[in-house]
Amino acid sequence: DVKGQLVGHFESNQGLEVTIDASIYASGVYYAKVTSATGSETIRLIKR
């Protein structure tokens, strides 16, 4: 969340995709840290 608190952890299935249930989160901005063997990226998520 925007306070830097970890609110979810998900593992990919066979390396292609991850589905995150957004309905469990309140509306607002979140940040997804995506990590693979080649590095990591941070992606901004917006929950309506």
All heavy atoms as atom14 arrays in JSON, in Angstrom:
{
  "sequence": "DVKGQLVGHFESNQGLEVTIDASIYASGVYYAKVTSATGSETIRLIKR",
  "atom14_mask": [
    [1, 1, 1, 1, 1, 1, 1, 1, 0, 0, 0, 0, 0, 0],
    [1, 1, 1, 1, 1, 1, 1, 0, 0, 0, 0, 0, 0, 0],
    [1, 1, 1, 1, 1, 1, 1, 1, 1, 0, 0, 0, 0, 0],
    [1, 1, 1, 1, 0, 0, 0, 0, 0, 0, 0, 0, 0, 0],
    [1, 1, 1, 1, 1, 1, 1, 1, 1, 0, 0, 0, 0, 0],
    [1, 1, 1, 1, 1, 1, 1, 1, 0, 0, 0, 0, 0, 0],
    [1, 1, 1, 1, 1, 1, 1, 0, 0, 0, 0, 0, 0, 0],
    [1, 1, 1, 1, 0, 0, 0, 0, 0, 0, 0, 0, 0, 0],
    [1, 1, 1, 1, 1, 1, 1, 1, 1, 1, 0, 0, 0, 0],
    [1, 1, 1, 1, 1, 1, 1, 1, 1, 1, 1, 0, 0, 0],
    [1, 1, 1, 1, 1, 1, 1, 1, 1, 0, 0, 0, 0, 0],
    [1, 1, 1, 1, 1, 1, 0, 0, 0, 0, 0, 0, 0, 0],
    [1, 1, 1, 1, 1, 1, 1, 1, 0, 0, 0, 0, 0, 0],
    [1, 1, 1, 1, 1, 1, 1, 1, 1, 0, 0, 0, 0, 0],
    [1, 1, 1, 1, 0, 0, 0, 0, 0, 0, 0, 0, 0, 0],
    [1, 1, 1, 1, 1, 1, 1, 1, 0, 0, 0, 0, 0, 0],
    [1, 1, 1, 1, 1, 1, 1, 1, 1, 0, 0, 0, 0, 0],
    [1, 1, 1, 1, 1, 1, 1, 0, 0, 0, 0, 0, 0, 0],
    [1, 1, 1, 1, 1, 1, 1, 0, 0, 0, 0, 0, 0, 0],
    [1, 1, 1, 1, 1, 1, 1, 1, 0, 0, 0, 0, 0, 0],
    [1, 1, 1, 1, 1, 1, 1, 1, 0, 0, 0, 0, 0, 0],
    [1, 1, 1, 1, 1, 0, 0, 0, 0, 0, 0, 0, 0, 0],
    [1, 1, 1, 1, 1, 1, 0, 0, 0, 0, 0, 0, 0, 0],
    [1, 1, 1, 1, 1, 1, 1, 1, 0, 0, 0, 0, 0, 0],
    [1, 1, 1, 1, 1, 1, 1, 1, 1, 1, 1, 1, 0, 0],
    [1, 1, 1, 1, 1, 0, 0, 0, 0, 0, 0, 0, 0, 0],
    [1, 1, 1, 1, 1, 1, 0, 0, 0, 0, 0, 0, 0, 0],
    [1, 1, 1, 1, 0, 0, 0, 0, 0, 0, 0, 0, 0, 0],
    [1, 1, 1, 1, 1, 1, 1, 0, 0, 0, 0, 0, 0, 0],
    [1, 1, 1, 1, 1, 1, 1, 1, 1, 1, 1, 1, 0, 0],
    [1, 1, 1, 1, 1, 1, 1, 1, 1, 1, 1, 1, 0, 0],
    [1, 1, 1, 1, 1, 0, 0, 0, 0, 0, 0, 0, 0, 0],
    [1, 1, 1, 1, 1, 1, 1, 1, 1, 0, 0, 0, 0, 0],
    [1, 1, 1, 1, 1, 1, 1, 0, 0, 0, 0, 0, 0, 0],
    [1, 1, 1, 1, 1, 1, 1, 0, 0, 0, 0, 0, 0, 0],
    [1, 1, 1, 1, 1, 1, 0, 0, 0, 0, 0, 0, 0, 0],
    [1, 1, 1, 1, 1, 0, 0, 0, 0, 0, 0, 0, 0, 0],
    [1, 1, 1, 1, 1, 1, 1, 0, 0, 0, 0, 0, 0, 0],
    [1, 1, 1, 1, 0, 0, 0, 0, 0, 0, 0, 0, 0, 0],
    [1, 1, 1, 1, 1, 1, 0, 0, 0, 0, 0, 0, 0, 0],
    [1, 1, 1, 1, 1, 1, 1, 1, 1, 0, 0, 0, 0, 0],
    [1, 1, 1, 1, 1, 1, 1, 0, 0, 0, 0, 0, 0, 0],
    [1, 1, 1, 1, 1, 1, 1, 1, 0, 0, 0, 0, 0, 0],
    [1, 1, 1, 1, 1, 1, 1, 1, 1, 1, 1, 0, 0, 0],
    [1, 1, 1, 1, 1, 1, 1, 1, 0, 0, 0, 0, 0, 0],
    [1, 1, 1, 1, 1, 1, 1, 1, 0, 0, 0, 0, 0, 0],
    [1, 1, 1, 1, 1, 1, 1, 1, 1, 0, 0, 0, 0, 0],
    [1, 1, 1, 1, 1, 1, 1, 1, 1, 1, 1, 0, 0, 0]
  ],
  "atom14_positions": [
    [[0.85, -1.19, 0.0], [0.0, 0.0, 0.0], [0.88, 1.24, 0.0], [2.12, 1.15, -0.02], [-0.98, -0.01, 1.18], [-0.3, 0.03, 2.55], [0.89, 0.39, 2.61], [-0.96, -0.32, 3.54], [0.0, 0.0, 0.0], [0.0, 0.0, 0.0], [0.0, 0.0, 0.0], [0.0, 0.0, 0.0], [0.0, 0.0, 0.0], [0.0, 0.0, 0.0]],
    [[0.26, 2.42, 0.0], [1.03, 3.66, -0.12], [1.88, 3.95, 1.11], [2.77, 4.81, 1.06], [0.09, 4.86, -0.4], [-0.55, 4.74, -1.76], [-0.97, 5.0, 0.7], [0.0, 0.0, 0.0], [0.0, 0.0, 0.0], [0.0, 0.0, 0.0], [0.0, 0.0, 0.0], [0.0, 0.0, 0.0], [0.0, 0.0, 0.0], [0.0, 0.0, 0.0]],
    [[1.62, 3.24, 2.22], [2.44, 3.4, 3.41], [3.62, 2.44, 3.43], [4.41, 2.42, 4.37], [1.59, 3.2, 4.67], [0.5, 4.26, 4.85], [-0.27, 4.03, 6.14], [-1.33, 5.09, 6.34], [-2.11, 4.87, 7.6], [0.0, 0.0, 0.0], [0.0, 0.0, 0.0], [0.0, 0.0, 0.0], [0.0, 0.0, 0.0], [0.0, 0.0, 0.0]],
    [[3.73, 1.62, 2.37], [4.83, 0.69, 2.28], [4.59, -0.63, 2.99], [5.51, -1.44, 3.15], [0.0, 0.0, 0.0], [0.0, 0.0, 0.0], [0.0, 0.0, 0.0], [0.0, 0.0, 0.0], [0.0, 0.0, 0.0], [0.0, 0.0, 0.0], [0.0, 0.0, 0.0], [0.0, 0.0, 0.0], [0.0, 0.0, 0.0], [0.0, 0.0, 0.0]],
    [[3.33, -0.87, 3.41], [2.99, -2.12, 4.08], [2.72, -3.21, 3.06], [1.98, -3.0, 2.09], [1.76, -1.93, 4.98], [1.93, -0.87, 6.06], [2.97, -1.29, 7.09], [3.02, -2.42, 7.53], [3.81, -0.34, 7.49], [0.0, 0.0, 0.0], [0.0, 0.0, 0.0], [0.0, 0.0, 0.0], [0.0, 0.0, 0.0], [0.0, 0.0, 0.0]],
    [[3.31, -4.39, 3.26], [3.05, -5.53, 2.38], [1.63, -6.03, 2.62], [1.27, -6.4, 3.73], [4.06, -6.65, 2.66], [3.91, -7.93, 1.83], [4.19, -7.66, 0.37], [4.85, -9.02, 2.36], [0.0, 0.0, 0.0], [0.0, 0.0, 0.0], [0.0, 0.0, 0.0], [0.0, 0.0, 0.0], [0.0, 0.0, 0.0], [0.0, 0.0, 0.0]],
    [[0.81, -6.05, 1.57], [-0.59, -6.45, 1.72], [-0.95, -7.66, 0.85], [-2.11, -8.07, 0.83], [-1.54, -5.28, 1.38], [-1.38, -4.15, 2.39], [-1.31, -4.76, -0.03], [0.0, 0.0, 0.0], [0.0, 0.0, 0.0], [0.0, 0.0, 0.0], [0.0, 0.0, 0.0], [0.0, 0.0, 0.0], [0.0, 0.0, 0.0], [0.0, 0.0, 0.0]],
    [[0.04, -8.21, 0.14], [-0.24, -9.4, -0.66], [1.01, -9.97, -1.29], [1.93, -9.23, -1.65], [0.0, 0.0, 0.0], [0.0, 0.0, 0.0], [0.0, 0.0, 0.0], [0.0, 0.0, 0.0], [0.0, 0.0, 0.0], [0.0, 0.0, 0.0], [0.0, 0.0, 0.0], [0.0, 0.0, 0.0], [0.0, 0.0, 0.0], [0.0, 0.0, 0.0]],
    [[1.05, -11.31, -1.4], [2.18, -11.99, -2.04], [1.63, -13.08, -2.94], [0.8, -13.89, -2.51], [3.12, -12.58, -0.99], [4.31, -13.29, -1.6], [5.48, -12.65, -1.88], [4.47, -14.58, -2.01], [6.34, -13.5, -2.42], [5.74, -14.69, -2.51], [0.0, 0.0, 0.0], [0.0, 0.0, 0.0], [0.0, 0.0, 0.0], [0.0, 0.0, 0.0]],
    [[2.1, -13.12, -4.2], [1.55, -14.04, -5.18], [2.68, -14.67, -6.0], [3.67, -14.0, -6.33], [0.58, -13.32, -6.13], [-0.5, -12.56, -5.41], [-0.29, -11.23, -5.02], [-1.72, -13.14, -5.1], [-1.26, -10.52, -4.35], [-2.7, -12.44, -4.43], [-2.47, -11.12, -4.05], [0.0, 0.0, 0.0], [0.0, 0.0, 0.0], [0.0, 0.0, 0.0]],
    [[2.54, -15.95, -6.35], [3.52, -16.66, -7.17], [2.9, -16.95, -8.53], [1.72, -17.28, -8.64], [3.93, -17.98, -6.5], [4.6, -17.81, -5.15], [6.03, -17.32, -5.26], [6.61, -17.42, -6.37], [6.56, -16.83, -4.25], [0.0, 0.0, 0.0], [0.0, 0.0, 0.0], [0.0, 0.0, 0.0], [0.0, 0.0, 0.0], [0.0, 0.0, 0.0]],
    [[3.72, -16.83, -9.59], [3.23, -17.12, -10.94], [3.05, -18.62, -11.14], [3.68, -19.44, -10.46], [4.19, -16.57, -11.99], [5.43, -17.26, -11.93], [0.0, 0.0, 0.0], [0.0, 0.0, 0.0], [0.0, 0.0, 0.0], [0.0, 0.0, 0.0], [0.0, 0.0, 0.0], [0.0, 0.0, 0.0], [0.0, 0.0, 0.0], [0.0, 0.0, 0.0]],
    [[2.19, -18.96, -12.07], [1.92, -20.35, -12.4], [2.66, -20.69, -13.69], [2.28, -20.23, -14.77], [0.42, -20.57, -12.56], [0.08, -22.01, -12.87], [0.92, -22.9, -12.7], [-1.14, -22.25, -13.31], [0.0, 0.0, 0.0], [0.0, 0.0, 0.0], [0.0, 0.0, 0.0], [0.0, 0.0, 0.0], [0.0, 0.0, 0.0], [0.0, 0.0, 0.0]],
    [[3.71, -21.49, -13.59], [4.5, -21.89, -14.76], [5.09, -20.69, -15.5], [5.31, -20.75, -16.71], [3.64, -22.73, -15.71], [3.07, -23.99, -15.1], [4.16, -24.93, -14.58], [5.16, -25.15, -15.25], [3.97, -25.46, -13.38], [0.0, 0.0, 0.0], [0.0, 0.0, 0.0], [0.0, 0.0, 0.0], [0.0, 0.0, 0.0], [0.0, 0.0, 0.0]],
    [[5.29, -19.61, -14.79], [6.08, -18.53, -15.34], [5.39, -17.52, -16.22], [6.05, -16.64, -16.76], [0.0, 0.0, 0.0], [0.0, 0.0, 0.0], [0.0, 0.0, 0.0], [0.0, 0.0, 0.0], [0.0, 0.0, 0.0], [0.0, 0.0, 0.0], [0.0, 0.0, 0.0], [0.0, 0.0, 0.0], [0.0, 0.0, 0.0], [0.0, 0.0, 0.0]],
    [[4.07, -17.6, -16.41], [3.45, -16.72, -17.38], [2.59, -15.63, -16.78], [2.6, -14.5, -17.27], [2.62, -17.54, -18.38], [3.42, -18.46, -19.3], [2.48, -19.21, -20.23], [4.45, -17.67, -20.09], [0.0, 0.0, 0.0], [0.0, 0.0, 0.0], [0.0, 0.0, 0.0], [0.0, 0.0, 0.0], [0.0, 0.0, 0.0], [0.0, 0.0, 0.0]],
    [[1.83, -15.91, -15.74], [0.91, -14.88, -15.25], [0.54, -15.09, -13.79], [0.67, -16.19, -13.24], [-0.36, -14.83, -16.11], [-1.15, -16.11, -16.13], [-2.32, -16.06, -17.09], [-2.2, -15.36, -18.11], [-3.35, -16.7, -16.82], [0.0, 0.0, 0.0], [0.0, 0.0, 0.0], [0.0, 0.0, 0.0], [0.0, 0.0, 0.0], [0.0, 0.0, 0.0]],
    [[0.09, -14.01, -13.21], [-0.43, -13.99, -11.84], [-1.73, -13.21, -11.85], [-1.81, -12.12, -12.43], [0.57, -13.33, -10.86], [-0.12, -12.95, -9.55], [1.74, -14.25, -10.57], [0.0, 0.0, 0.0], [0.0, 0.0, 0.0], [0.0, 0.0, 0.0], [0.0, 0.0, 0.0], [0.0, 0.0, 0.0], [0.0, 0.0, 0.0], [0.0, 0.0, 0.0]],
    [[-2.76, -13.76, -11.2], [-4.02, -13.04, -11.04], [-4.12, -12.55, -9.61], [-4.02, -13.34, -8.66], [-5.22, -13.94, -11.38], [-5.12, -14.37, -12.74], [-6.53, -13.17, -11.2], [0.0, 0.0, 0.0], [0.0, 0.0, 0.0], [0.0, 0.0, 0.0], [0.0, 0.0, 0.0], [0.0, 0.0, 0.0], [0.0, 0.0, 0.0], [0.0, 0.0, 0.0]],
    [[-4.31, -11.24, -9.45], [-4.44, -10.63, -8.13], [-5.9, -10.24, -7.92], [-6.47, -9.53, -8.76], [-3.54, -9.39, -8.01], [-2.07, -9.77, -8.25], [-3.71, -8.73, -6.65], [-1.14, -8.58, -8.3], [0.0, 0.0, 0.0], [0.0, 0.0, 0.0], [0.0, 0.0, 0.0], [0.0, 0.0, 0.0], [0.0, 0.0, 0.0], [0.0, 0.0, 0.0]],
    [[-6.48, -10.7, -6.84], [-7.87, -10.36, -6.53], [-7.92, -8.93, -6.0], [-7.61, -8.66, -4.84], [-8.41, -11.35, -5.49], [-9.88, -11.1, -5.15], [-10.48, -10.19, -5.77], [-10.41, -11.8, -4.28], [0.0, 0.0, 0.0], [0.0, 0.0, 0.0], [0.0, 0.0, 0.0], [0.0, 0.0, 0.0], [0.0, 0.0, 0.0], [0.0, 0.0, 0.0]],
    [[-8.31, -8.0, -6.84], [-8.35, -6.59, -6.46], [-9.54, -6.27, -5.56], [-9.55, -5.25, -4.87], [-8.39, -5.7, -7.7], [0.0, 0.0, 0.0], [0.0, 0.0, 0.0], [0.0, 0.0, 0.0], [0.0, 0.0, 0.0], [0.0, 0.0, 0.0], [0.0, 0.0, 0.0], [0.0, 0.0, 0.0], [0.0, 0.0, 0.0], [0.0, 0.0, 0.0]],
    [[-10.54, -7.14, -5.55], [-11.76, -6.85, -4.79], [-11.52, -6.83, -3.29], [-12.32, -6.27, -2.54], [-12.84, -7.89, -5.12], [-12.47, -9.18, -4.66], [0.0, 0.0, 0.0], [0.0, 0.0, 0.0], [0.0, 0.0, 0.0], [0.0, 0.0, 0.0], [0.0, 0.0, 0.0], [0.0, 0.0, 0.0], [0.0, 0.0, 0.0], [0.0, 0.0, 0.0]],
    [[-10.41, -7.43, -2.84], [-10.15, -7.47, -1.39], [-9.5, -6.18, -0.89], [-9.33, -6.01, 0.31], [-9.27, -8.68, -1.03], [-7.88, -8.53, -1.65], [-9.93, -9.98, -1.47], [-6.92, -9.64, -1.23], [0.0, 0.0, 0.0], [0.0, 0.0, 0.0], [0.0, 0.0, 0.0], [0.0, 0.0, 0.0], [0.0, 0.0, 0.0], [0.0, 0.0, 0.0]],
    [[-9.13, -5.29, -1.82], [-8.45, -4.06, -1.44], [-9.4, -2.87, -1.52], [-10.29, -2.81, -2.37], [-7.25, -3.81, -2.34], [-6.21, -4.9, -2.27], [-5.94, -5.71, -3.37], [-5.49, -5.14, -1.11], [-4.99, -6.72, -3.32], [-4.54, -6.14, -1.03], [-4.29, -6.94, -2.14], [-3.36, -7.93, -2.08], [0.0, 0.0, 0.0], [0.0, 0.0, 0.0]],
    [[-9.16, -1.9, -0.63], [-9.92, -0.66, -0.68], [-9.48, 0.15, -1.9], [-8.38, -0.03, -2.44], [-9.68, 0.16, 0.59], [0.0, 0.0, 0.0], [0.0, 0.0, 0.0], [0.0, 0.0, 0.0], [0.0, 0.0, 0.0], [0.0, 0.0, 0.0], [0.0, 0.0, 0.0], [0.0, 0.0, 0.0], [0.0, 0.0, 0.0], [0.0, 0.0, 0.0]],
    [[-10.33, 1.04, -2.35], [-9.99, 1.89, -3.49], [-8.76, 2.73, -3.18], [-8.58, 3.21, -2.06], [-11.17, 2.8, -3.84], [-12.29, 2.04, -4.23], [0.0, 0.0, 0.0], [0.0, 0.0, 0.0], [0.0, 0.0, 0.0], [0.0, 0.0, 0.0], [0.0, 0.0, 0.0], [0.0, 0.0, 0.0], [0.0, 0.0, 0.0], [0.0, 0.0, 0.0]],
    [[-7.91, 2.9, -4.18], [-6.72, 3.7, -3.98], [-5.56, 3.21, -4.83], [-5.75, 2.46, -5.78], [0.0, 0.0, 0.0], [0.0, 0.0, 0.0], [0.0, 0.0, 0.0], [0.0, 0.0, 0.0], [0.0, 0.0, 0.0], [0.0, 0.0, 0.0], [0.0, 0.0, 0.0], [0.0, 0.0, 0.0], [0.0, 0.0, 0.0], [0.0, 0.0, 0.0]],
    [[-4.35, 3.62, -4.45], [-3.15, 3.29, -5.2], [-2.34, 2.24, -4.44], [-2.18, 2.33, -3.21], [-2.29, 4.55, -5.44], [-0.97, 4.2, -6.11], [-3.05, 5.56, -6.27], [0.0, 0.0, 0.0], [0.0, 0.0, 0.0], [0.0, 0.0, 0.0], [0.0, 0.0, 0.0], [0.0, 0.0, 0.0], [0.0, 0.0, 0.0], [0.0, 0.0, 0.0]],
    [[-1.83, 1.26, -5.16], [-0.97, 0.22, -4.61], [0.25, 0.07, -5.53], [0.25, 0.57, -6.67], [-1.71, -1.11, -4.49], [-2.89, -1.04, -3.55], [-4.14, -0.61, -4.01], [-2.77, -1.38, -2.21], [-5.22, -0.52, -3.14], [-3.85, -1.3, -1.34], [-5.07, -0.87, -1.82], [-6.13, -0.78, -0.96], [0.0, 0.0, 0.0], [0.0, 0.0, 0.0]],
    [[1.26, -0.62, -5.03], [2.46, -0.84, -5.82], [2.79, -2.33, -5.84], [2.86, -2.97, -4.77], [3.64, -0.03, -5.27], [3.42, 1.45, -5.42], [2.79, 2.18, -4.42], [3.82, 2.11, -6.56], [2.55, 3.54, -4.57], [3.6, 3.47, -6.72], [2.97, 4.18, -5.72], [2.73, 5.52, -5.86], [0.0, 0.0, 0.0], [0.0, 0.0, 0.0]],
    [[2.95, -2.87, -7.04], [3.29, -4.28, -7.21], [4.77, -4.39, -7.53], [5.24, -3.88, -8.56], [2.46, -4.9, -8.32], [0.0, 0.0, 0.0], [0.0, 0.0, 0.0], [0.0, 0.0, 0.0], [0.0, 0.0, 0.0], [0.0, 0.0, 0.0], [0.0, 0.0, 0.0], [0.0, 0.0, 0.0], [0.0, 0.0, 0.0], [0.0, 0.0, 0.0]],
    [[5.53, -5.05, -6.66], [6.94, -5.34, -6.93], [7.0, -6.72, -7.58], [6.7, -7.72, -6.94], [7.76, -5.3, -5.66], [9.25, -5.55, -5.91], [10.06, -5.49, -4.62], [11.54, -5.74, -4.9], [12.34, -5.73, -3.64], [0.0, 0.0, 0.0], [0.0, 0.0, 0.0], [0.0, 0.0, 0.0], [0.0, 0.0, 0.0], [0.0, 0.0, 0.0]],
    [[7.38, -6.75, -8.85], [7.41, -7.99, -9.62], [8.86, -8.42, -9.76], [9.69, -7.68, -10.3], [6.78, -7.79, -11.01], [6.64, -9.13, -11.73], [5.41, -7.12, -10.89], [0.0, 0.0, 0.0], [0.0, 0.0, 0.0], [0.0, 0.0, 0.0], [0.0, 0.0, 0.0], [0.0, 0.0, 0.0], [0.0, 0.0, 0.0], [0.0, 0.0, 0.0]],
    [[9.17, -9.64, -9.29], [10.55, -10.1, -9.24], [10.69, -11.42, -9.99], [9.91, -12.35, -9.77], [11.02, -10.28, -7.79], [10.85, -9.05, -7.08], [12.48, -10.69, -7.74], [0.0, 0.0, 0.0], [0.0, 0.0, 0.0], [0.0, 0.0, 0.0], [0.0, 0.0, 0.0], [0.0, 0.0, 0.0], [0.0, 0.0, 0.0], [0.0, 0.0, 0.0]],
    [[11.7, -11.47, -10.88], [12.05, -12.71, -11.57], [13.55, -12.91, -11.45], [14.25, -12.12, -10.79], [11.65, -12.64, -13.04], [12.49, -11.75, -13.75], [0.0, 0.0, 0.0], [0.0, 0.0, 0.0], [0.0, 0.0, 0.0], [0.0, 0.0, 0.0], [0.0, 0.0, 0.0], [0.0, 0.0, 0.0], [0.0, 0.0, 0.0], [0.0, 0.0, 0.0]],
    [[14.07, -13.94, -12.1], [15.5, -14.21, -12.04], [16.33, -13.11, -12.69], [17.52, -12.98, -12.42], [15.8, -15.55, -12.7], [0.0, 0.0, 0.0], [0.0, 0.0, 0.0], [0.0, 0.0, 0.0], [0.0, 0.0, 0.0], [0.0, 0.0, 0.0], [0.0, 0.0, 0.0], [0.0, 0.0, 0.0], [0.0, 0.0, 0.0], [0.0, 0.0, 0.0]],
    [[15.72, -12.3, -13.53], [16.45, -11.24, -14.24], [16.39, -9.89, -13.55], [17.0, -8.93, -14.01], [15.92, -11.09, -15.68], [14.54, -10.72, -15.63], [16.09, -12.39, -16.44], [0.0, 0.0, 0.0], [0.0, 0.0, 0.0], [0.0, 0.0, 0.0], [0.0, 0.0, 0.0], [0.0, 0.0, 0.0], [0.0, 0.0, 0.0], [0.0, 0.0, 0.0]],
    [[15.62, -9.77, -12.48], [15.52, -8.5, -11.79], [14.11, -8.23, -11.32], [13.27, -9.14, -11.26], [0.0, 0.0, 0.0], [0.0, 0.0, 0.0], [0.0, 0.0, 0.0], [0.0, 0.0, 0.0], [0.0, 0.0, 0.0], [0.0, 0.0, 0.0], [0.0, 0.0, 0.0], [0.0, 0.0, 0.0], [0.0, 0.0, 0.0], [0.0, 0.0, 0.0]],
    [[13.83, -6.99, -10.95], [12.51, -6.63, -10.45], [12.07, -5.29, -11.01], [12.89, -4.46, -11.41], [12.49, -6.59, -8.92], [13.34, -5.57, -8.44], [0.0, 0.0, 0.0], [0.0, 0.0, 0.0], [0.0, 0.0, 0.0], [0.0, 0.0, 0.0], [0.0, 0.0, 0.0], [0.0, 0.0, 0.0], [0.0, 0.0, 0.0], [0.0, 0.0, 0.0]],
    [[10.76, -5.11, -11.06], [10.16, -3.84, -11.45], [9.05, -3.53, -10.47], [8.45, -4.43, -9.87], [9.57, -3.92, -12.86], [10.59, -4.09, -13.97], [9.95, -3.98, -15.34], [8.86, -3.38, -15.43], [10.54, -4.48, -16.31], [0.0, 0.0, 0.0], [0.0, 0.0, 0.0], [0.0, 0.0, 0.0], [0.0, 0.0, 0.0], [0.0, 0.0, 0.0]],
    [[8.76, -2.24, -10.31], [7.64, -1.81, -9.49], [6.6, -1.17, -10.38], [6.9, -0.27, -11.16], [8.09, -0.82, -8.41], [9.1, -1.42, -7.59], [6.92, -0.4, -7.53], [0.0, 0.0, 0.0], [0.0, 0.0, 0.0], [0.0, 0.0, 0.0], [0.0, 0.0, 0.0], [0.0, 0.0, 0.0], [0.0, 0.0, 0.0], [0.0, 0.0, 0.0]],
    [[5.36, -1.67, -10.28], [4.28, -1.22, -11.14], [3.18, -0.62, -10.27], [2.78, -1.21, -9.26], [3.71, -2.38, -11.98], [4.83, -3.01, -12.82], [2.58, -1.9, -12.88], [4.4, -4.27, -13.55], [0.0, 0.0, 0.0], [0.0, 0.0, 0.0], [0.0, 0.0, 0.0], [0.0, 0.0, 0.0], [0.0, 0.0, 0.0], [0.0, 0.0, 0.0]],
    [[2.69, 0.53, -10.66], [1.62, 1.2, -9.91], [0.28, 0.58, -10.27], [-0.08, 0.46, -11.44], [1.63, 2.69, -10.26], [0.73, 3.58, -9.41], [1.03, 5.03, -9.78], [0.41, 5.99, -8.91], [-0.63, 6.75, -9.23], [-1.16, 6.64, -10.44], [-1.13, 7.62, -8.39], [0.0, 0.0, 0.0], [0.0, 0.0, 0.0], [0.0, 0.0, 0.0]],
    [[-0.48, 0.17, -9.26], [-1.81, -0.39, -9.44], [-2.85, 0.59, -8.93], [-2.66, 1.22, -7.88], [-1.96, -1.71, -8.67], [-0.93, -2.81, -8.95], [-1.17, -3.99, -8.03], [-0.98, -3.24, -10.41], [0.0, 0.0, 0.0], [0.0, 0.0, 0.0], [0.0, 0.0, 0.0], [0.0, 0.0, 0.0], [0.0, 0.0, 0.0], [0.0, 0.0, 0.0]],
    [[-3.94, 0.72, -9.64], [-5.03, 1.61, -9.22], [-6.28, 0.77, -9.01], [-6.76, 0.1, -9.94], [-5.28, 2.71, -10.26], [-4.03, 3.56, -10.45], [-6.46, 3.58, -9.83], [-4.16, 4.62, -11.52], [0.0, 0.0, 0.0], [0.0, 0.0, 0.0], [0.0, 0.0, 0.0], [0.0, 0.0, 0.0], [0.0, 0.0, 0.0], [0.0, 0.0, 0.0]],
    [[-6.81, 0.77, -7.77], [-8.05, 0.07, -7.46], [-9.19, 1.07, -7.46], [-9.18, 2.06, -6.73], [-7.95, -0.59, -6.08], [-9.28, -1.11, -5.53], [-9.91, -2.18, -6.41], [-11.32, -2.54, -5.94], [-11.4, -3.0, -4.55], [0.0, 0.0, 0.0], [0.0, 0.0, 0.0], [0.0, 0.0, 0.0], [0.0, 0.0, 0.0], [0.0, 0.0, 0.0]],
    [[-10.15, 0.83, -8.34], [-11.3, 1.72, -8.43], [-12.25, 1.49, -7.27], [-12.35, 0.4, -6.74], [-12.04, 1.49, -9.75], [-11.32, 2.1, -10.95], [-12.02, 1.76, -12.23], [-11.47, 2.52, -13.35], [-11.61, 2.16, -14.63], [-12.27, 1.05, -14.93], [-11.09, 2.89, -15.58], [0.0, 0.0, 0.0], [0.0, 0.0, 0.0], [0.0, 0.0, 0.0]]
  ]
}
